Amino acid sequence: MRVRSLLIVAAIVAVLVSAPPAARPAFTQAVQAIAAVVNDEIVSTRALSERLRLILATSNLPDDPETRRRVEQQVLRVLIDETLQRQEARRLDLRVTEEEVDNALRSIAERNNLTVEQLAQEFARAQVPMATLRDQITAQIAWLKVVARRIRPQVVVTEAQIDVALRTAPATSGDRELLLSEILLPVYDPEQETAVLEDAQRLVAAIRQGADFAALARQVSASPSAEGGGDLGWIATTALAEPLRVALAGTEPGQLTPPIRTANGVQIFLVRDARRLAGTPRPDAATADPAARQAARERLVEEQTQRLANRYLRTLRLEAFIDVRL
């Protein structure tokens, strides 16, 4: 059997369908030791082990102690963030129902031409508990509800902002355009920066040794692009901020950048393809058609929403009691 990745609709994650028998670790009755304490909840070592198993199986990484060491701390950060997201949803009295999770599972199954029962059987054969997937879906739906309640109403895009976005859009004449994927590791506290950079370097090493970039992006990236495996689409180099333009200069298809510290956190980019564009004029703000204005509006809304959501989660982390035991 081979490993396949499943696309989760509601936000989102890659999930394991099958794996070669030799690569499957047996289910164990893991001791419920504490990996981290998040306010009044724990993240158990068993939960961490099960999420690691999911990631290793979907990303073609070997399940060995060295590989687990490379990704363990970043996976633990993801579990801590998910715990904070669920806690904030409860504080706001936003509930995720079993029906919502069931609907997400049905969508997953349908997208992979499976029934929910067949999906569960695939997970069982792969030695990954379905509860691992349900917990992940629950946290992500909860956070979507928090963002819809607290963040979306704050997002305002003016006509003047759209005009600026259209005027500053890059002209493509002679541009080099890159087909990019990203992994974003957030830095919530300056004191964490060194640790996050080390995590990013371990991910780069794992990818260079054969790990699946898209599967890792779905599981550990904090960017909205995570649900698409980190896919950013085609981006003109002139549209990139100067540090990214420098980091990507000369990068050829198939190559990774080293970890880059940006305003968003620590980012890793994969150049999947590159091309030169024929001349296309920059859209004129005064005469831009409604579709161009609407596209610019939607882009600005998404950027603002993500920026505010990241700030919100960063604040939750800073204000929380977090005790990492590993």
Protein backbone atom coordinates (compact mmCIF):
# COMPACT_ATOMS: atom_id res chain seq x y z
CA MET A 1 0.00 0.00 0.00
CA ARG A 2 1.04 3.57 -0.48
CA VAL A 3 0.61 6.74 1.52
CA ARG A 4 -2.01 9.15 0.23
CA SER A 5 -2.87 12.57 1.55
CA LEU A 6 -6.44 13.63 2.20
CA LEU A 7 -7.61 17.22 1.87
CA ILE A 8 -9.76 18.47 4.73
CA VAL A 9 -12.41 20.94 3.72
CA ALA A 10 -13.09 22.99 6.79
CA ALA A 11 -9.75 24.38 7.24
CA ILE A 12 -7.69 22.08 6.41
CA VAL A 13 -5.37 19.44 7.33
CA ALA A 14 -3.74 16.55 5.51
CA VAL A 15 -4.73 13.20 6.93
CA LEU A 16 -3.35 9.72 6.57
CA VAL A 17 -5.04 7.20 4.34
CA SER A 18 -2.61 4.31 4.17
CA ALA A 19 1.02 3.45 4.72
CA PRO A 20 3.37 0.55 4.04
CA PRO A 21 3.12 -2.10 6.76
CA ALA A 22 6.80 -1.74 7.69
CA ALA A 23 6.32 1.96 8.30
CA ARG A 24 3.34 1.54 10.63
CA PRO A 25 4.07 1.80 14.32
CA ALA A 26 1.75 -0.38 16.38
CA PHE A 27 -0.88 1.20 18.61
CA THR A 28 0.41 1.49 22.15
CA GLN A 29 -1.30 2.20 25.42
CA ALA A 30 0.82 5.27 25.98
CA VAL A 31 1.13 6.60 29.47
CA GLN A 32 -0.74 9.90 29.77
CA ALA A 33 2.36 11.87 30.66
CA ILE A 34 2.24 15.65 30.29
CA ALA A 35 3.88 17.28 27.28
CA ALA A 36 2.61 20.77 28.16
CA VAL A 37 0.18 22.57 30.43
CA VAL A 38 -1.95 25.26 28.77
CA ASN A 39 -3.85 27.28 31.39
CA ASP A 40 -5.95 24.59 33.07
CA GLU A 41 -5.56 21.90 30.40
CA ILE A 42 -2.82 19.46 29.50
CA VAL A 43 -1.40 18.36 26.17
CA SER A 44 -0.51 14.73 26.76
CA THR A 45 2.47 12.92 25.36
CA ARG A 46 0.02 10.47 23.85
CA ALA A 47 -1.74 13.23 21.90
CA LEU A 48 1.66 14.48 20.73
CA SER A 49 2.71 10.96 19.70
CA GLU A 50 -0.49 10.39 17.73
CA ARG A 51 -0.19 13.72 15.89
CA LEU A 52 3.44 12.94 15.10
CA ARG A 53 2.39 9.57 13.73
CA LEU A 54 -0.11 11.28 11.44
CA ILE A 55 2.49 13.75 10.17
CA LEU A 56 5.22 11.17 9.65
CA ALA A 57 2.94 8.88 7.70
CA THR A 58 1.54 11.59 5.40
CA SER A 59 4.88 13.25 4.68
CA ASN A 60 6.95 10.20 3.71
CA LEU A 61 9.23 10.74 6.68
CA PRO A 62 10.74 7.69 8.39
CA ASP A 63 9.34 6.99 11.83
CA ASP A 64 12.57 6.99 13.77
CA PRO A 65 13.84 8.88 16.85
CA GLU A 66 15.90 11.37 14.84
CA THR A 67 13.00 12.35 12.61
CA ARG A 68 10.65 12.67 15.56
CA ARG A 69 13.16 14.93 17.29
CA ARG A 70 13.27 17.20 14.24
CA VAL A 71 9.56 17.92 14.19
CA GLU A 72 8.40 17.27 17.76
CA GLN A 73 8.70 20.79 19.16
CA GLN A 74 6.91 22.42 16.23
CA VAL A 75 4.10 19.86 16.41
CA LEU A 76 3.81 20.55 20.14
CA ARG A 77 3.50 24.29 19.38
CA VAL A 78 0.64 23.48 17.00
CA LEU A 79 -1.13 21.43 19.70
CA ILE A 80 -0.66 24.26 22.21
CA ASP A 81 -2.15 26.75 19.74
CA GLU A 82 -5.10 24.44 19.08
CA THR A 83 -5.71 24.19 22.83
CA LEU A 84 -5.72 27.99 23.10
CA GLN A 85 -8.08 28.24 20.14
CA ARG A 86 -10.56 25.82 21.71
CA GLN A 87 -10.32 27.63 25.05
CA GLU A 88 -11.03 30.99 23.45
CA ALA A 89 -14.02 29.57 21.59
CA ARG A 90 -15.43 28.25 24.89
CA ARG A 91 -14.83 31.62 26.55
CA LEU A 92 -16.90 33.24 23.80
CA ASP A 93 -19.53 30.50 24.14
CA LEU A 94 -18.85 29.32 20.59
CA ARG A 95 -19.48 25.59 20.37
CA VAL A 96 -18.40 23.05 17.79
CA THR A 97 -21.05 20.38 17.46
CA GLU A 98 -20.55 16.73 16.68
CA GLU A 99 -22.69 17.32 13.60
CA GLU A 100 -20.24 19.95 12.31
CA VAL A 101 -17.31 17.58 12.78
CA ASP A 102 -19.28 14.72 11.20
CA ASN A 103 -20.08 16.94 8.21
CA ALA A 104 -16.38 17.75 7.80
CA LEU A 105 -15.52 14.05 7.91
CA ARG A 106 -18.17 13.29 5.29
CA SER A 107 -16.69 16.00 3.07
CA ILE A 108 -13.25 14.47 3.47
CA ALA A 109 -14.54 11.04 2.57
CA GLU A 110 -16.46 12.33 -0.46
CA ARG A 111 -13.44 14.20 -1.78
CA ASN A 112 -11.51 10.94 -1.70
CA ASN A 113 -14.32 8.76 -3.11
CA LEU A 114 -14.77 7.01 0.23
CA THR A 115 -17.53 6.58 2.75
CA VAL A 116 -16.89 7.66 6.32
CA GLU A 117 -16.73 3.97 7.27
CA GLN A 118 -14.09 3.32 4.62
CA LEU A 119 -12.16 6.37 5.82
CA ALA A 120 -12.19 4.99 9.35
CA GLN A 121 -10.96 1.62 8.07
CA GLU A 122 -8.08 3.31 6.24
CA PHE A 123 -7.12 5.11 9.42
CA ALA A 124 -7.28 1.89 11.41
CA ARG A 125 -5.03 0.13 8.91
CA ALA A 126 -2.61 3.04 9.17
CA GLN A 127 -2.67 2.88 12.99
CA VAL A 128 -3.92 6.47 13.38
CA PRO A 129 -6.91 6.99 15.72
CA MET A 130 -9.84 8.81 14.15
CA ALA A 131 -10.03 10.80 17.39
CA THR A 132 -6.77 12.48 16.38
CA LEU A 133 -8.41 13.83 13.25
CA ARG A 134 -11.63 14.80 15.04
CA ASP A 135 -9.67 16.77 17.64
CA GLN A 136 -7.79 18.64 14.92
CA ILE A 137 -10.97 19.45 13.00
CA THR A 138 -12.68 20.63 16.19
CA ALA A 139 -9.90 23.09 17.01
CA GLN A 140 -9.85 24.48 13.49
CA ILE A 141 -13.62 24.95 13.25
CA ALA A 142 -13.57 26.59 16.69
CA TRP A 143 -10.92 29.06 15.54
CA LEU A 144 -12.84 29.86 12.36
CA LYS A 145 -15.81 30.76 14.56
CA VAL A 146 -13.65 32.94 16.80
CA VAL A 147 -12.24 34.76 13.77
CA ALA A 148 -15.73 35.24 12.33
CA ARG A 149 -16.99 36.64 15.64
CA ARG A 150 -14.07 38.78 16.76
CA ILE A 151 -11.92 39.56 13.71
CA ARG A 152 -14.08 39.85 10.60
CA PRO A 153 -16.22 42.71 11.98
CA GLN A 154 -13.04 44.74 12.55
CA VAL A 155 -11.86 44.43 8.95
CA VAL A 156 -12.57 47.54 6.90
CA VAL A 157 -11.26 48.05 3.37
CA THR A 158 -11.79 51.51 1.91
CA GLU A 159 -12.00 52.54 -1.73
CA ALA A 160 -8.79 54.53 -1.19
CA GLN A 161 -6.99 51.37 -0.05
CA ILE A 162 -8.19 49.57 -3.17
CA ASP A 163 -6.92 52.46 -5.32
CA VAL A 164 -3.49 52.21 -3.67
CA ALA A 165 -3.41 48.43 -4.11
CA LEU A 166 -4.18 48.78 -7.82
CA ARG A 167 -1.66 51.59 -8.34
CA THR A 168 1.11 49.65 -6.63
CA ALA A 169 0.38 46.32 -8.29
CA PRO A 170 3.52 45.23 -10.15
CA ALA A 171 3.68 45.58 -13.88
CA THR A 172 4.72 42.24 -15.28
CA SER A 173 6.85 43.27 -18.23
CA GLY A 174 9.99 41.18 -17.98
CA ASP A 175 9.17 40.04 -14.46
CA ARG A 176 10.36 36.71 -13.19
CA GLU A 177 7.37 34.93 -11.74
CA LEU A 178 7.69 32.08 -9.25
CA LEU A 179 5.30 29.29 -8.37
CA LEU A 180 5.77 29.26 -4.60
CA SER A 181 4.79 27.21 -1.58
CA GLU A 182 5.45 28.27 2.00
CA ILE A 183 5.63 27.04 5.55
CA LEU A 184 5.16 29.70 8.22
CA LEU A 185 6.26 29.09 11.80
CA PRO A 186 5.01 31.89 14.07
CA VAL A 187 7.21 33.64 16.62
CA TYR A 188 5.01 34.73 19.50
CA ASP A 189 7.79 35.90 21.80
CA PRO A 190 11.25 37.28 20.86
CA GLU A 191 12.74 34.79 23.29
CA GLN A 192 11.38 31.96 21.12
CA GLU A 193 13.04 33.15 17.92
CA THR A 194 16.15 30.99 18.21
CA ALA A 195 14.10 27.88 18.99
CA VAL A 196 11.72 28.51 16.08
CA LEU A 197 14.65 29.05 13.69
CA GLU A 198 16.11 25.74 14.84
CA ASP A 199 12.75 24.04 14.25
CA ALA A 200 12.65 25.55 10.76
CA GLN A 201 16.16 24.30 10.01
CA ARG A 202 15.12 20.80 11.06
CA LEU A 203 12.13 20.98 8.72
CA VAL A 204 14.35 22.10 5.85
CA ALA A 205 16.68 19.17 6.54
CA ALA A 206 13.75 16.76 6.61
CA ILE A 207 12.34 18.09 3.32
CA ARG A 208 15.73 17.85 1.65
CA GLN A 209 15.88 14.23 2.77
CA GLY A 210 12.56 13.42 1.10
CA ALA A 211 9.77 14.70 3.33
CA ASP A 212 6.64 15.92 1.55
CA PHE A 213 6.57 19.74 1.72
CA ALA A 214 2.81 20.01 1.21
CA ALA A 215 1.99 17.47 3.91
CA LEU A 216 4.22 19.24 6.42
CA ALA A 217 2.72 22.61 5.48
CA ARG A 218 -0.79 21.30 6.12
CA GLN A 219 0.18 20.12 9.57
CA VAL A 220 2.58 22.71 10.98
CA SER A 221 2.25 25.94 8.98
CA ALA A 222 0.40 28.86 10.59
CA SER A 223 -0.38 30.48 7.24
CA PRO A 224 -3.83 30.42 5.56
CA SER A 225 -2.06 28.66 2.68
CA ALA A 226 -1.66 25.60 4.93
CA GLU A 227 -4.96 24.08 3.80
CA GLY A 228 -3.61 23.99 0.25
CA GLY A 229 -0.31 22.47 1.25
CA GLY A 230 1.35 25.89 1.42
CA ASP A 231 0.52 26.77 -2.19
CA LEU A 232 0.85 30.52 -2.89
CA GLY A 233 0.39 30.28 -6.64
CA TRP A 234 2.36 32.36 -9.14
CA ILE A 235 3.91 35.52 -7.66
CA ALA A 236 5.97 38.12 -9.52
CA THR A 237 9.27 38.76 -7.77
CA THR A 238 8.61 42.50 -7.99
CA ALA A 239 5.57 41.96 -5.75
CA LEU A 240 7.72 40.52 -2.95
CA ALA A 241 9.19 42.47 -0.07
CA GLU A 242 12.88 43.21 -0.44
CA PRO A 243 14.12 40.51 2.04
CA LEU A 244 12.14 37.82 0.24
CA ARG A 245 13.25 39.07 -3.17
CA VAL A 246 16.87 38.77 -2.06
CA ALA A 247 16.35 35.33 -0.50
CA LEU A 248 14.66 34.00 -3.63
CA ALA A 249 17.09 35.54 -6.12
CA GLY A 250 18.62 32.79 -8.18
CA THR A 251 16.49 30.08 -6.58
CA GLU A 252 15.59 27.51 -9.21
CA PRO A 253 12.57 25.19 -9.47
CA GLY A 254 12.73 22.41 -6.91
CA GLN A 255 14.90 24.40 -4.52
CA LEU A 256 14.15 25.51 -0.96
CA THR A 257 15.12 28.75 0.69
CA PRO A 258 16.78 28.59 4.09
CA PRO A 259 14.54 29.75 6.96
CA ILE A 260 13.81 33.48 6.60
CA ARG A 261 12.83 35.71 9.52
CA THR A 262 9.99 37.96 8.39
CA ALA A 263 7.39 40.11 10.10
CA ASN A 264 5.06 37.10 10.09
CA GLY A 265 7.50 34.70 11.75
CA VAL A 266 9.97 32.27 10.24
CA GLN A 267 9.16 31.23 6.67
CA ILE A 268 10.44 28.51 4.37
CA PHE A 269 9.72 28.75 0.66
CA LEU A 270 9.76 26.08 -2.03
CA VAL A 271 10.14 27.26 -5.63
CA ARG A 272 8.06 24.81 -7.65
CA ASP A 273 8.47 26.55 -11.02
CA ALA A 274 9.63 29.82 -12.59
CA ARG A 275 8.85 31.77 -15.76
CA ARG A 276 9.31 35.11 -17.49
CA LEU A 277 6.16 37.08 -18.21
CA ALA A 278 5.17 38.94 -21.31
CA GLY A 279 4.50 42.64 -20.83
CA THR A 280 1.22 43.40 -19.06
CA PRO A 281 0.44 46.94 -17.95
CA ARG A 282 -0.27 47.79 -14.35
CA PRO A 283 -4.04 48.18 -13.82
CA ASP A 284 -5.13 51.80 -13.57
CA ALA A 285 -7.01 52.55 -10.34
CA ALA A 286 -9.29 55.07 -12.02
CA THR A 287 -10.36 52.82 -14.88
CA ALA A 288 -10.05 49.36 -13.34
CA ASP A 289 -13.06 47.18 -14.06
CA PRO A 290 -15.30 46.05 -11.15
CA ALA A 291 -13.83 42.55 -11.20
CA ALA A 292 -10.30 43.90 -10.67
CA ARG A 293 -11.50 46.11 -7.83
CA GLN A 294 -13.38 43.23 -6.22
CA ALA A 295 -10.34 40.97 -6.47
CA ALA A 296 -8.20 43.67 -4.82
CA ARG A 297 -10.83 44.12 -2.10
CA GLU A 298 -10.96 40.40 -1.34
CA ARG A 299 -7.17 40.20 -1.20
CA LEU A 300 -6.99 43.12 1.23
CA VAL A 301 -9.76 41.67 3.41
CA GLU A 302 -7.95 38.34 3.60
CA GLU A 303 -4.62 39.98 4.41
CA GLN A 304 -6.13 42.12 7.17
CA THR A 305 -8.07 39.20 8.61
CA GLN A 306 -5.02 36.97 8.76
CA ARG A 307 -2.85 39.71 10.25
CA LEU A 308 -5.40 40.42 12.98
CA ALA A 309 -6.01 36.71 13.63
CA ASN A 310 -2.27 36.12 14.04
CA ARG A 311 -2.09 39.06 16.46
CA TYR A 312 -5.08 37.68 18.38
CA LEU A 313 -3.48 34.23 18.75
CA ARG A 314 -0.15 35.80 19.69
CA THR A 315 -1.91 37.73 22.47
CA LEU A 316 -3.61 34.57 23.71
CA ARG A 317 -0.24 32.87 23.89
CA LEU A 318 1.43 35.74 25.72
CA GLU A 319 -1.38 35.98 28.28
CA ALA A 320 -1.70 32.23 28.83
CA PHE A 321 0.03 30.06 31.39
CA ILE A 322 2.07 27.64 29.26
CA ASP A 323 4.41 25.12 30.83
CA VAL A 324 6.24 22.95 28.30
CA ARG A 325 7.49 19.76 29.92
CA LEU A 326 9.51 18.31 27.01
